[in-house]
Protein backbone atom coordinates (compact mmCIF):
# COMPACT_ATOMS: atom_id res chain seq x y z
CA MET A 1 -14.44 59.18 95.29
CA SER A 2 -17.82 60.71 96.05
CA GLU A 3 -18.73 63.39 98.53
CA ARG A 4 -21.72 65.60 99.11
CA THR A 5 -21.35 69.13 100.39
CA PRO A 6 -19.75 68.90 103.87
CA PHE A 7 -22.16 69.49 106.72
CA ASP A 8 -25.11 69.83 104.36
CA ASP A 9 -28.47 69.16 106.01
CA GLY A 10 -30.06 68.27 102.66
CA ALA A 11 -33.19 66.18 103.01
CA THR A 12 -32.69 65.41 106.68
CA THR A 13 -34.13 67.35 109.57
CA THR A 14 -32.99 68.19 113.07
CA THR A 15 -34.83 68.20 116.38
CA GLY A 16 -34.61 70.66 119.27
CA GLU A 17 -31.74 68.48 120.53
CA ASP A 18 -29.74 69.40 117.41
CA ARG A 19 -29.82 65.90 115.98
CA GLU A 20 -29.69 64.77 112.40
CA VAL A 21 -32.78 62.67 111.66
CA LEU A 22 -32.75 60.28 108.73
CA GLY A 23 -36.22 59.12 107.71
CA TRP A 24 -37.11 55.99 105.75
CA GLU A 25 -37.81 58.02 102.60
CA GLN A 26 -34.39 59.69 102.71
CA PHE A 27 -32.85 56.28 103.42
CA GLY A 28 -34.16 54.99 100.09
CA GLY A 29 -32.82 58.07 98.32
CA PHE A 30 -29.37 57.76 99.89
CA SER A 31 -28.90 54.24 98.63
CA ARG A 32 -29.67 55.17 95.02
CA GLU A 33 -27.46 58.29 95.10
CA LEU A 34 -24.53 56.49 96.69
CA ALA A 35 -24.90 53.56 94.26
CA ARG A 36 -24.75 56.00 91.33
CA ASP A 37 -21.56 57.52 92.78
CA ILE A 38 -19.96 54.09 93.13
CA VAL A 39 -20.84 53.13 89.55
CA ALA A 40 -19.62 56.52 88.26
CA SER A 41 -16.24 55.94 89.96
CA GLY A 42 -15.58 53.03 87.61
CA TRP A 43 -15.07 50.58 90.49
CA MET A 44 -17.73 47.93 91.02
CA PRO A 45 -17.78 45.55 94.00
CA ASP A 46 -18.19 41.79 93.71
CA LEU A 47 -19.30 41.58 97.34
CA VAL A 48 -20.83 43.93 99.92
CA ILE A 49 -19.84 43.52 103.57
CA ALA A 50 -22.03 45.06 106.25
CA VAL A 51 -20.50 46.28 109.49
CA ALA A 52 -23.12 45.01 111.94
CA ARG A 53 -25.31 46.23 113.30
CA GLY A 54 -25.55 49.78 111.95
CA GLY A 55 -24.37 48.86 108.47
CA LEU A 56 -26.80 46.00 107.91
CA LEU A 57 -29.66 47.96 106.37
CA PRO A 58 -27.47 50.41 104.41
CA ALA A 59 -25.41 47.49 103.03
CA GLY A 60 -28.52 45.63 101.93
CA ALA A 61 -29.94 48.73 100.26
CA LEU A 62 -26.65 49.42 98.45
CA ALA A 63 -26.30 45.80 97.36
CA TYR A 64 -29.78 45.92 95.81
CA ALA A 65 -29.11 49.29 94.16
CA LEU A 66 -25.81 48.00 92.73
CA GLY A 67 -27.21 44.63 91.68
CA VAL A 68 -24.70 42.78 93.89
CA LYS A 69 -26.06 39.55 95.35
CA ALA A 70 -23.04 38.38 97.38
CA MET A 71 -23.07 39.77 100.92
CA GLY A 72 -21.31 39.18 104.19
CA THR A 73 -21.30 40.61 107.69
CA LEU A 74 -18.62 41.51 110.21
CA ASN A 75 -19.92 42.02 113.73
CA VAL A 76 -18.18 44.86 115.52
CA GLU A 77 -19.08 46.31 118.92
CA PHE A 78 -18.03 49.86 119.81
CA TYR A 79 -20.99 51.99 120.93
CA THR A 80 -22.59 50.95 124.19
CA GLY A 81 -25.03 53.88 124.37
CA VAL A 82 -25.56 57.41 123.07
CA GLY A 83 -22.06 58.89 123.03
CA GLU A 84 -20.73 55.95 125.08
CA THR A 85 -18.12 53.59 123.62
CA LEU A 86 -15.76 50.82 124.54
CA PRO A 87 -12.09 51.94 124.61
CA GLU A 88 -11.61 50.34 121.15
CA PRO A 89 -13.94 48.50 118.75
CA VAL A 90 -14.05 44.71 119.11
CA VAL A 91 -14.78 42.15 116.37
CA LEU A 92 -17.39 39.68 117.62
CA PRO A 93 -18.03 36.11 116.49
CA PRO A 94 -19.13 34.55 114.30
CA LEU A 95 -16.55 35.48 111.65
CA MET A 96 -17.74 35.29 108.07
CA ASP A 97 -16.28 32.70 105.69
CA THR A 98 -13.71 34.56 103.61
CA SER A 99 -12.10 31.66 101.79
CA GLU A 100 -13.48 32.83 98.42
CA LEU A 101 -12.50 36.51 98.74
CA PRO A 102 -8.95 36.73 97.36
CA GLY A 103 -8.97 38.65 94.09
CA HIS A 104 -12.44 40.10 94.63
CA LYS A 105 -13.57 43.70 95.07
CA VAL A 106 -15.31 44.32 98.38
CA LEU A 107 -17.47 47.27 99.44
CA VAL A 108 -17.56 47.69 103.24
CA VAL A 109 -20.68 49.55 104.38
CA ASP A 110 -21.49 51.17 107.72
CA ASP A 111 -24.06 53.73 108.76
CA VAL A 112 -21.66 56.41 110.03
CA ALA A 113 -17.95 57.13 110.34
CA ASP A 114 -18.24 58.92 113.69
CA SER A 115 -14.84 58.52 115.32
CA GLY A 116 -13.99 56.27 112.38
CA LYS A 117 -12.44 53.66 114.68
CA THR A 118 -14.84 50.87 113.71
CA LEU A 119 -14.49 51.46 109.98
CA ALA A 120 -10.70 51.86 110.28
CA LEU A 121 -10.49 48.53 112.14
CA VAL A 122 -12.51 46.71 109.49
CA MET A 123 -10.71 48.30 106.54
CA ASP A 124 -7.31 47.57 108.12
CA MET A 125 -8.36 44.01 108.76
CA ILE A 126 -9.44 43.57 105.17
CA ARG A 127 -6.72 45.55 103.35
CA ALA A 128 -3.58 45.17 105.44
CA LYS A 129 -4.05 42.04 107.46
CA GLY A 130 -6.60 40.38 105.23
CA LEU A 131 -9.75 38.59 106.25
CA PRO A 132 -9.32 35.38 108.24
CA VAL A 133 -9.48 32.26 106.05
CA ASP A 134 -10.61 28.87 107.33
CA ALA A 135 -9.93 26.97 104.10
CA ASP A 136 -10.85 23.51 105.38
CA ARG A 137 -13.74 24.91 107.46
CA ASP A 138 -12.61 23.27 110.68
CA GLY A 139 -12.80 26.45 112.76
CA THR A 140 -9.06 27.12 112.56
CA VAL A 141 -7.79 30.20 110.70
CA GLU A 142 -4.98 29.01 108.43
CA SER A 143 -4.19 32.25 106.62
CA SER A 144 -5.54 35.66 105.67
CA ALA A 145 -6.77 37.03 102.38
CA PRO A 146 -5.94 40.60 101.32
CA VAL A 147 -8.80 42.14 99.39
CA ASP A 148 -9.37 45.14 97.08
CA ALA A 149 -11.74 47.00 99.40
CA ARG A 150 -13.46 50.38 99.54
CA SER A 151 -15.80 51.85 102.13
CA ALA A 152 -19.18 53.56 102.00
CA VAL A 153 -21.15 55.30 104.74
CA ILE A 154 -24.34 57.31 104.93
CA TYR A 155 -22.71 59.92 107.16
CA ALA A 156 -19.13 60.97 107.94
CA LYS A 157 -18.12 63.26 110.77
CA SER A 158 -15.19 65.66 110.80
CA ALA A 159 -13.58 63.85 113.77
CA SER A 160 -13.37 60.55 111.86
CA ILE A 161 -9.86 59.09 111.68
CA ILE A 162 -10.71 57.55 108.30
CA ASP A 163 -12.02 59.13 105.13
CA PRO A 164 -14.55 56.71 103.65
CA ASP A 165 -14.33 56.25 99.88
CA TYR A 166 -18.03 57.03 99.38
CA VAL A 167 -20.03 59.39 101.64
CA TRP A 168 -23.63 60.53 101.25
CA ARG A 169 -23.59 63.39 103.78
CA HIS A 170 -21.28 65.08 106.30
CA THR A 171 -22.52 66.14 109.73
CA ASP A 172 -21.20 66.61 113.25
CA ARG A 173 -24.60 66.08 114.88
CA TRP A 174 -25.76 62.91 116.61
CA ILE A 175 -27.78 60.96 114.04
CA ASN A 176 -31.15 59.33 114.59
CA PHE A 177 -31.50 56.43 112.15
CA PRO A 178 -35.01 55.09 111.54
CA TRP A 179 -33.98 51.56 112.59
CA SER A 180 -32.26 52.46 115.87
CA THR A 181 -34.04 55.46 117.38
CA LEU A 182 -36.53 53.52 119.50
CA PRO A 183 -35.33 51.38 122.42
CA PRO A 184 -35.52 47.58 122.16
CA VAL A 185 -39.01 46.26 122.81
CA THR A 186 -37.65 44.35 125.81
CA GLU A 187 -37.36 47.70 127.59
CA GLU A 188 -41.02 48.66 127.06
């Protein structure tokens, strides 16, 4: 799969706090580069799943760059603040409808594989256990659907317990993403 030079600063910058800063312009470049790597691998997804919230914008950008219109979202909570996490990641409702996924290729996208726990949870859920299937759409999970899935992230860190299939950059710095650097407006 694809990798850039480990721990390469590339087009990103750092602040006095030794942080990786991804700007909107670099964000657009990442999505095209990573999409080219995915296409070059010979594997093409039928569906892109975003790991919310951090993976929402990267997943959308990759889906556009790959020409994939089918998208889904899995909501996972792990980080509660800068460097603060729950003991383990937790999947939050609502669960996406996965009844049509068996036999399809799925690209799971997140912003960063930091500890890798969130991405590992999602990939295990999709590959090993399968995605929950509510075939009659009554709110009851009747079965699970194993799926041919690969993962893509903007950044991967050396401490990650999972090696994503597609990585744009490696870093061990805290990352400032353009969509999450400022506090919520409710705190202003």
